[in-house]
Amino acid sequence: MIEPTLEGENAWVEHHDETANANLISRTNSWYTGSNVPGKPRRVLSYTGGVGTYRAKCSEAATNGYAGFALGRSNIEQPS
């Protein structure tokens, strides 16, 4: 099992928002920002930092022992 910690999740959301707010997409009215759903909070829904940055972030987490994640065994029984 792997789950993000609250600190790890908050760090990712902060990074995501920084990359999204550096692009014009964050200022548009489209489904990318959830504007097509009445009452939905506005934010960019997809990662705009680029695949290279995403892969680097994944590698960085793995290299650092999956910092920002809680690892453990699942309580769900696996089929035999």
PDB file of N, CA and C in Angstrom:
ATOM      1  N   MET A   1       0.855  -1.171   0.000  1.00  0.00           N
ATOM      2  CA  MET A   1       0.000   0.000   0.000  1.00  0.00           C
ATOM      3  C   MET A   1       0.903   1.236   0.000  1.00  0.00           C
ATOM      4  N   ILE A   2       0.521   2.223  -0.729  1.00  0.00           N
ATOM      5  CA  ILE A   2       1.219   3.510  -0.725  1.00  0.00           C
ATOM      6  C   ILE A   2       0.157   4.607  -0.729  1.00  0.00           C
ATOM      7  N   GLU A   3       0.283   5.506   0.214  1.00  0.00           N
ATOM      8  CA  GLU A   3      -0.663   6.622   0.354  1.00  0.00           C
ATOM      9  C   GLU A   3       0.147   7.892   0.584  1.00  0.00           C
ATOM     10  N   PRO A   4      -0.278   9.014   0.029  1.00  0.00           N
ATOM     11  CA  PRO A   4       0.435  10.256   0.329  1.00  0.00           C
ATOM     12  C   PRO A   4       0.182  10.671   1.781  1.00  0.00           C
ATOM     13  N   THR A   5       1.217  11.223   2.409  1.00  0.00           N
ATOM     14  CA  THR A   5       1.015  11.816   3.731  1.00  0.00           C
ATOM     15  C   THR A   5       0.352  13.173   3.532  1.00  0.00           C
ATOM     16  N   LEU A   6      -0.201  13.736   4.579  1.00  0.00           N
ATOM     17  CA  LEU A   6      -0.819  15.060   4.470  1.00  0.00           C
ATOM     18  C   LEU A   6       0.225  16.083   4.025  1.00  0.00           C
ATOM     19  N   GLU A   7       1.429  15.993   4.588  1.00  0.00           N
ATOM     20  CA  GLU A   7       2.504  16.924   4.211  1.00  0.00           C
ATOM     21  C   GLU A   7       2.888  16.738   2.746  1.00  0.00           C
ATOM     22  N   GLY A   8       2.989  15.472   2.308  1.00  0.00           N
ATOM     23  CA  GLY A   8       3.336  15.193   0.920  1.00  0.00           C
ATOM     24  C   GLY A   8       2.267  15.687  -0.044  1.00  0.00           C
ATOM     25  N   GLU A   9       1.011  15.480   0.328  1.00  0.00           N
ATOM     26  CA  GLU A   9      -0.097  15.941  -0.505  1.00  0.00           C
ATOM     27  C   GLU A   9      -0.093  17.470  -0.603  1.00  0.00           C
ATOM     28  N   ASN A  10       0.086  18.125   0.524  1.00  0.00           N
ATOM     29  CA  ASN A  10       0.113  19.597   0.527  1.00  0.00           C
ATOM     30  C   ASN A  10       1.267  20.135  -0.307  1.00  0.00           C
ATOM     31  N   ALA A  11       2.431  19.486  -0.232  1.00  0.00           N
ATOM     32  CA  ALA A  11       3.593  19.920  -1.022  1.00  0.00           C
ATOM     33  C   ALA A  11       3.307  19.761  -2.515  1.00  0.00           C
ATOM     34  N   TRP A  12       2.662  18.637  -2.890  1.00  0.00           N
ATOM     35  CA  TRP A  12       2.338  18.424  -4.303  1.00  0.00           C
ATOM     36  C   TRP A  12       1.325  19.456  -4.787  1.00  0.00           C
ATOM     37  N   VAL A  13       0.292  19.723  -4.002  1.00  0.00           N
ATOM     38  CA  VAL A  13      -0.730  20.704  -4.395  1.00  0.00           C
ATOM     39  C   VAL A  13      -0.083  22.085  -4.567  1.00  0.00           C
ATOM     40  N   GLU A  14       0.817  22.434  -3.671  1.00  0.00           N
ATOM     41  CA  GLU A  14       1.511  23.730  -3.787  1.00  0.00           C
ATOM     42  C   GLU A  14       2.331  23.781  -5.075  1.00  0.00           C
ATOM     43  N   HIS A  15       3.084  22.706  -5.368  1.00  0.00           N
ATOM     44  CA  HIS A  15       3.869  22.644  -6.615  1.00  0.00           C
ATOM     45  C   HIS A  15       2.935  22.702  -7.836  1.00  0.00           C
ATOM     46  N   HIS A  16       1.851  21.926  -7.789  1.00  0.00           N
ATOM     47  CA  HIS A  16       0.890  21.903  -8.898  1.00  0.00           C
ATOM     48  C   HIS A  16       0.325  23.300  -9.145  1.00  0.00           C
ATOM     49  N   ASP A  17      -0.081  23.983  -8.086  1.00  0.00           N
ATOM     50  CA  ASP A  17      -0.651  25.318  -8.232  1.00  0.00           C
ATOM     51  C   ASP A  17       0.369  26.311  -8.777  1.00  0.00           C
ATOM     52  N   GLU A  18       1.626  26.193  -8.355  1.00  0.00           N
ATOM     53  CA  GLU A  18       2.676  27.088  -8.880  1.00  0.00           C
ATOM     54  C   GLU A  18       2.837  26.902 -10.386  1.00  0.00           C
ATOM     55  N   THR A  19       2.908  25.643 -10.843  1.00  0.00           N
ATOM     56  CA  THR A  19       3.069  25.409 -12.283  1.00  0.00           C
ATOM     57  C   THR A  19       1.821  25.838 -13.050  1.00  0.00           C
ATOM     58  N   ALA A  20       0.648  25.558 -12.495  1.00  0.00           N
ATOM     59  CA  ALA A  20      -0.599  25.924 -13.179  1.00  0.00           C
ATOM     60  C   ALA A  20      -0.754  27.437 -13.279  1.00  0.00           C
ATOM     61  N   ASN A  21      -0.415  28.141 -12.209  1.00  0.00           N
ATOM     62  CA  ASN A  21      -0.590  29.596 -12.203  1.00  0.00           C
ATOM     63  C   ASN A  21       0.440  30.320 -13.055  1.00  0.00           C
ATOM     64  N   ALA A  22       1.473  29.602 -13.488  1.00  0.00           N
ATOM     65  CA  ALA A  22       2.469  30.199 -14.379  1.00  0.00           C
ATOM     66  C   ALA A  22       2.020  30.122 -15.843  1.00  0.00           C
ATOM     67  N   ASN A  23       0.886  29.487 -16.097  1.00  0.00           N
ATOM     68  CA  ASN A  23       0.360  29.316 -17.453  1.00  0.00           C
ATOM     69  C   ASN A  23      -0.935  30.096 -17.632  1.00  0.00           C
ATOM     70  N   LEU A  24      -1.229  30.424 -18.870  1.00  0.00           N
ATOM     71  CA  LEU A  24      -2.478  31.128 -19.165  1.00  0.00           C
ATOM     72  C   LEU A  24      -3.699  30.247 -18.954  1.00  0.00           C
ATOM     73  N   ILE A  25      -3.512  28.941 -18.967  1.00  0.00           N
ATOM     74  CA  ILE A  25      -4.659  28.031 -18.809  1.00  0.00           C
ATOM     75  C   ILE A  25      -5.407  28.289 -17.512  1.00  0.00           C
ATOM     76  N   SER A  26      -4.704  28.728 -16.482  1.00  0.00           N
ATOM     77  CA  SER A  26      -5.361  28.978 -15.192  1.00  0.00           C
ATOM     78  C   SER A  26      -6.314  30.169 -15.259  1.00  0.00           C
ATOM     79  N   ARG A  27      -6.223  30.957 -16.319  1.00  0.00           N
ATOM     80  CA  ARG A  27      -7.078  32.141 -16.454  1.00  0.00           C
ATOM     81  C   ARG A  27      -8.214  31.941 -17.456  1.00  0.00           C
ATOM     82  N   THR A  28      -8.354  30.709 -17.952  1.00  0.00           N
ATOM     83  CA  THR A  28      -9.388  30.447 -18.960  1.00  0.00           C
ATOM     84  C   THR A  28     -10.658  29.902 -18.329  1.00  0.00           C
ATOM     85  N   ASN A  29     -11.728  29.972 -19.074  1.00  0.00           N
ATOM     86  CA  ASN A  29     -12.983  29.341 -18.688  1.00  0.00           C
ATOM     87  C   ASN A  29     -13.131  28.096 -19.553  1.00  0.00           C
ATOM     88  N   SER A  30     -12.774  26.957 -19.005  1.00  0.00           N
ATOM     89  CA  SER A  30     -12.862  25.710 -19.755  1.00  0.00           C
ATOM     90  C   SER A  30     -12.980  24.543 -18.787  1.00  0.00           C
ATOM     91  N   TRP A  31     -13.149  23.341 -19.353  1.00  0.00           N
ATOM     92  CA  TRP A  31     -13.234  22.169 -18.497  1.00  0.00           C
ATOM     93  C   TRP A  31     -11.908  21.898 -17.816  1.00  0.00           C
ATOM     94  N   TYR A  32     -10.792  22.445 -18.349  1.00  0.00           N
ATOM     95  CA  TYR A  32      -9.489  22.292 -17.697  1.00  0.00           C
ATOM     96  C   TYR A  32      -9.478  22.944 -16.316  1.00  0.00           C
ATOM     97  N   THR A  33     -10.324  23.919 -16.117  1.00  0.00           N
ATOM     98  CA  THR A  33     -10.389  24.609 -14.823  1.00  0.00           C
ATOM     99  C   THR A  33     -11.668  24.292 -14.064  1.00  0.00           C
ATOM    100  N   GLY A  34     -12.472  23.406 -14.603  1.00  0.00           N
ATOM    101  CA  GLY A  34     -13.710  23.023 -13.941  1.00  0.00           C
ATOM    102  C   GLY A  34     -14.827  24.028 -14.108  1.00  0.00           C
ATOM    103  N   SER A  35     -14.666  25.003 -15.013  1.00  0.00           N
ATOM    104  CA  SER A  35     -15.699  26.037 -15.176  1.00  0.00           C
ATOM    105  C   SER A  35     -16.988  25.512 -15.775  1.00  0.00           C
ATOM    106  N   ASN A  36     -16.961  24.303 -16.339  1.00  0.00           N
ATOM    107  CA  ASN A  36     -18.176  23.744 -16.926  1.00  0.00           C
ATOM    108  C   ASN A  36     -19.081  23.096 -15.879  1.00  0.00           C
ATOM    109  N   VAL A  37     -18.654  23.079 -14.617  1.00  0.00           N
ATOM    110  CA  VAL A  37     -19.453  22.470 -13.554  1.00  0.00           C
ATOM    111  C   VAL A  37     -19.887  23.571 -12.594  1.00  0.00           C
ATOM    112  N   PRO A  38     -21.174  23.937 -12.604  1.00  0.00           N
ATOM    113  CA  PRO A  38     -21.641  25.017 -11.736  1.00  0.00           C
ATOM    114  C   PRO A  38     -21.340  24.722 -10.258  1.00  0.00           C
ATOM    115  N   GLY A  39     -20.783  25.716  -9.587  1.00  0.00           N
ATOM    116  CA  GLY A  39     -20.491  25.609  -8.164  1.00  0.00           C
ATOM    117  C   GLY A  39     -19.165  24.934  -7.834  1.00  0.00           C
ATOM    118  N   LYS A  40     -18.487  24.379  -8.838  1.00  0.00           N
ATOM    119  CA  LYS A  40     -17.212  23.705  -8.594  1.00  0.00           C
ATOM    120  C   LYS A  40     -16.124  24.753  -8.371  1.00  0.00           C
ATOM    121  N   PRO A  41     -15.278  24.540  -7.347  1.00  0.00           N
ATOM    122  CA  PRO A  41     -14.165  25.488  -7.159  1.00  0.00           C
ATOM    123  C   PRO A  41     -13.274  25.492  -8.397  1.00  0.00           C
ATOM    124  N   ARG A  42     -12.817  26.650  -8.793  1.00  0.00           N
ATOM    125  CA  ARG A  42     -12.001  26.821  -9.994  1.00  0.00           C
ATOM    126  C   ARG A  42     -10.560  26.469  -9.715  1.00  0.00           C
ATOM    127  N   ARG A  43     -10.018  25.558 -10.470  1.00  0.00           N
ATOM    128  CA  ARG A  43      -8.578  25.253 -10.416  1.00  0.00           C
ATOM    129  C   ARG A  43      -8.222  24.406 -11.623  1.00  0.00           C
ATOM    130  N   VAL A  44      -6.978  24.444 -12.003  1.00  0.00           N
ATOM    131  CA  VAL A  44      -6.514  23.637 -13.123  1.00  0.00           C
ATOM    132  C   VAL A  44      -6.518  22.181 -12.670  1.00  0.00           C
ATOM    133  N   LEU A  45      -7.158  21.315 -13.459  1.00  0.00           N
ATOM    134  CA  LEU A  45      -7.336  19.926 -13.060  1.00  0.00           C
ATOM    135  C   LEU A  45      -6.190  19.014 -13.487  1.00  0.00           C
ATOM    136  N   SER A  46      -5.452  19.377 -14.521  1.00  0.00           N
ATOM    137  CA  SER A  46      -4.364  18.522 -14.994  1.00  0.00           C
ATOM    138  C   SER A  46      -3.009  19.150 -14.645  1.00  0.00           C
ATOM    139  N   TYR A  47      -1.979  18.311 -14.627  1.00  0.00           N
ATOM    140  CA  TYR A  47      -0.631  18.782 -14.292  1.00  0.00           C
ATOM    141  C   TYR A  47      -0.027  19.484 -15.498  1.00  0.00           C
ATOM    142  N   THR A  48       0.430  20.715 -15.315  1.00  0.00           N
ATOM    143  CA  THR A  48       0.951  21.505 -16.430  1.00  0.00           C
ATOM    144  C   THR A  48       2.464  21.703 -16.367  1.00  0.00           C
ATOM    145  N   GLY A  49       3.127  20.996 -15.467  1.00  0.00           N
ATOM    146  CA  GLY A  49       4.576  21.155 -15.305  1.00  0.00           C
ATOM    147  C   GLY A  49       5.397  20.428 -16.354  1.00  0.00           C
ATOM    148  N   GLY A  50       4.754  19.581 -17.144  1.00  0.00           N
ATOM    149  CA  GLY A  50       5.460  18.844 -18.185  1.00  0.00           C
ATOM    150  C   GLY A  50       5.857  17.454 -17.728  1.00  0.00           C
ATOM    151  N   VAL A  51       5.928  16.548 -18.694  1.00  0.00           N
ATOM    152  CA  VAL A  51       6.230  15.158 -18.372  1.00  0.00           C
ATOM    153  C   VAL A  51       7.635  15.004 -17.798  1.00  0.00           C
ATOM    154  N   GLY A  52       8.589  15.800 -18.261  1.00  0.00           N
ATOM    155  CA  GLY A  52       9.953  15.721 -17.738  1.00  0.00           C
ATOM    156  C   GLY A  52      10.020  16.080 -16.261  1.00  0.00           C
ATOM    157  N   THR A  53       9.335  17.142 -15.887  1.00  0.00           N
ATOM    158  CA  THR A  53       9.298  17.550 -14.484  1.00  0.00           C
ATOM    159  C   THR A  53       8.563  16.514 -13.645  1.00  0.00           C
ATOM    160  N   TYR A  54       7.477  15.985 -14.170  1.00  0.00           N
ATOM    161  CA  TYR A  54       6.716  14.957 -13.448  1.00  0.00           C
ATOM    162  C   TYR A  54       7.587  13.731 -13.180  1.00  0.00           C
ATOM    163  N   ARG A  55       8.286  13.274 -14.202  1.00  0.00           N
ATOM    164  CA  ARG A  55       9.158  12.102 -14.041  1.00  0.00           C
ATOM    165  C   ARG A  55      10.278  12.400 -13.053  1.00  0.00           C
ATOM    166  N   ALA A  56      10.824  13.611 -13.095  1.00  0.00           N
ATOM    167  CA  ALA A  56      11.885  13.987 -12.153  1.00  0.00           C
ATOM    168  C   ALA A  56      11.358  13.974 -10.723  1.00  0.00           C
ATOM    169  N   LYS A  57      10.141  14.471 -10.524  1.00  0.00           N
ATOM    170  CA  LYS A  57       9.525  14.469  -9.183  1.00  0.00           C
ATOM    171  C   LYS A  57       9.306  13.035  -8.700  1.00  0.00           C
ATOM    172  N   CYS A  58       8.865  12.151  -9.588  1.00  0.00           N
ATOM    173  CA  CYS A  58       8.665  10.745  -9.227  1.00  0.00           C
ATOM    174  C   CYS A  58       9.994  10.098  -8.863  1.00  0.00           C
ATOM    175  N   SER A  59      11.022  10.333  -9.655  1.00  0.00           N
ATOM    176  CA  SER A  59      12.355   9.772  -9.382  1.00  0.00           C
ATOM    177  C   SER A  59      12.917  10.311  -8.083  1.00  0.00           C
ATOM    178  N   GLU A  60      12.713  11.594  -7.833  1.00  0.00           N
ATOM    179  CA  GLU A  60      13.182  12.212  -6.593  1.00  0.00           C
ATOM    180  C   GLU A  60      12.520  11.562  -5.380  1.00  0.00           C
ATOM    181  N   ALA A  61      11.230  11.325  -5.459  1.00  0.00           N
ATOM    182  CA  ALA A  61      10.515  10.676  -4.351  1.00  0.00           C
ATOM    183  C   ALA A  61      11.053   9.264  -4.131  1.00  0.00           C
ATOM    184  N   ALA A  62      11.254   8.509  -5.209  1.00  0.00           N
ATOM    185  CA  ALA A  62      11.758   7.137  -5.094  1.00  0.00           C
ATOM    186  C   ALA A  62      13.169   7.118  -4.522  1.00  0.00           C
ATOM    187  N   THR A  63      14.022   8.014  -4.998  1.00  0.00           N
ATOM    188  CA  THR A  63      15.403   8.088  -4.513  1.00  0.00           C
ATOM    189  C   THR A  63      15.454   8.416  -3.030  1.00  0.00           C
ATOM    190  N   ASN A  64      14.504   9.199  -2.564  1.00  0.00           N
ATOM    191  CA  ASN A  64      14.470   9.609  -1.156  1.00  0.00           C
ATOM    192  C   ASN A  64      13.582   8.702  -0.313  1.00  0.00           C
ATOM    193  N   GLY A  65      13.467   7.428  -0.700  1.00  0.00           N
ATOM    194  CA  GLY A  65      12.695   6.474   0.094  1.00  0.00           C
ATOM    195  C   GLY A  65      11.210   6.771   0.103  1.00  0.00           C
ATOM    196  N   TYR A  66      10.713   7.330  -0.971  1.00  0.00           N
ATOM    197  CA  TYR A  66       9.308   7.711  -1.111  1.00  0.00           C
ATOM    198  C   TYR A  66       8.890   8.704  -0.035  1.00  0.00           C
ATOM    199  N   ALA A  67       9.721   9.729   0.107  1.00  0.00           N
ATOM    200  CA  ALA A  67       9.400  10.827   1.019  1.00  0.00           C
ATOM    201  C   ALA A  67       8.059  11.426   0.613  1.00  0.00           C
ATOM    202  N   GLY A  68       7.213  11.701   1.593  1.00  0.00           N
ATOM    203  CA  GLY A  68       5.892  12.247   1.321  1.00  0.00           C
ATOM    204  C   GLY A  68       4.830  11.177   1.151  1.00  0.00           C
ATOM    205  N   PHE A  69       5.236   9.907   1.319  1.00  0.00           N
ATOM    206  CA  PHE A  69       4.303   8.794   1.195  1.00  0.00           C
ATOM    207  C   PHE A  69       4.409   7.886   2.414  1.00  0.00           C
ATOM    208  N   ALA A  70       3.297   7.280   2.762  1.00  0.00           N
ATOM    209  CA  ALA A  70       3.274   6.264   3.814  1.00  0.00           C
ATOM    210  C   ALA A  70       3.186   4.913   3.113  1.00  0.00           C
ATOM    211  N   LEU A  71       4.106   4.025   3.439  1.00  0.00           N
ATOM    212  CA  LEU A  71       4.141   2.695   2.844  1.00  0.00           C
ATOM    213  C   LEU A  71       3.725   1.676   3.883  1.00  0.00           C
ATOM    214  N   GLY A  72       3.014   0.671   3.467  1.00  0.00           N
ATOM    215  CA  GLY A  72       2.610  -0.375   4.394  1.00  0.00           C
ATOM    216  C   GLY A  72       1.892  -1.490   3.677  1.00  0.00           C
ATOM    217  N   ARG A  73       1.444  -2.439   4.428  1.00  0.00           N
ATOM    218  CA  ARG A  73       0.709  -3.571   3.874  1.00  0.00           C
ATOM    219  C   ARG A  73      -0.768  -3.238   3.825  1.00  0.00           C
ATOM    220  N   SER A  74      -1.408  -3.691   2.792  1.00  0.00           N
ATOM    221  CA  SER A  74      -2.845  -3.475   2.647  1.00  0.00           C
ATOM    222  C   SER A  74      -3.610  -4.428   3.551  1.00  0.00           C
ATOM    223  N   ASN A  75      -4.720  -3.970   4.085  1.00  0.00           N
ATOM    224  CA  ASN A  75      -5.583  -4.818   4.879  1.00  0.00           C
ATOM    225  C   ASN A  75      -6.592  -5.581   4.021  1.00  0.00           C
ATOM    226  N   ILE A  76      -6.538  -5.364   2.721  1.00  0.00           N
ATOM    227  CA  ILE A  76      -7.465  -6.012   1.802  1.00  0.00           C
ATOM    228  C   ILE A  76      -6.901  -7.380   1.435  1.00  0.00           C
ATOM    229  N   GLU A  77      -7.732  -8.418   1.573  1.00  0.00           N
ATOM    230  CA  GLU A  77      -7.299  -9.771   1.230  1.00  0.00           C
ATOM    231  C   GLU A  77      -7.096  -9.884  -0.258  1.00  0.00           C
ATOM    232  N   GLN A  78      -5.975 -10.474  -0.645  1.00  0.00           N
ATOM    233  CA  GLN A  78      -5.682 -10.687  -2.049  1.00  0.00           C
ATOM    234  C   GLN A  78      -6.211 -12.061  -2.475  1.00  0.00           C
ATOM    235  N   PRO A  79      -6.756 -12.186  -3.689  1.00  0.00           N
ATOM    236  CA  PRO A  79      -7.228 -13.495  -4.156  1.00  0.00           C
ATOM    237  C   PRO A  79      -6.068 -14.467  -4.273  1.00  0.00           C
ATOM    238  N   SER A  80      -6.315 -15.742  -3.994  1.00  0.00           N
ATOM    239  CA  SER A  80      -5.236 -16.733  -4.116  1.00  0.00           C
ATOM    240  C   SER A  80      -5.251 -17.437  -5.444  1.00  0.00           C
TER     241      SER A  80
END
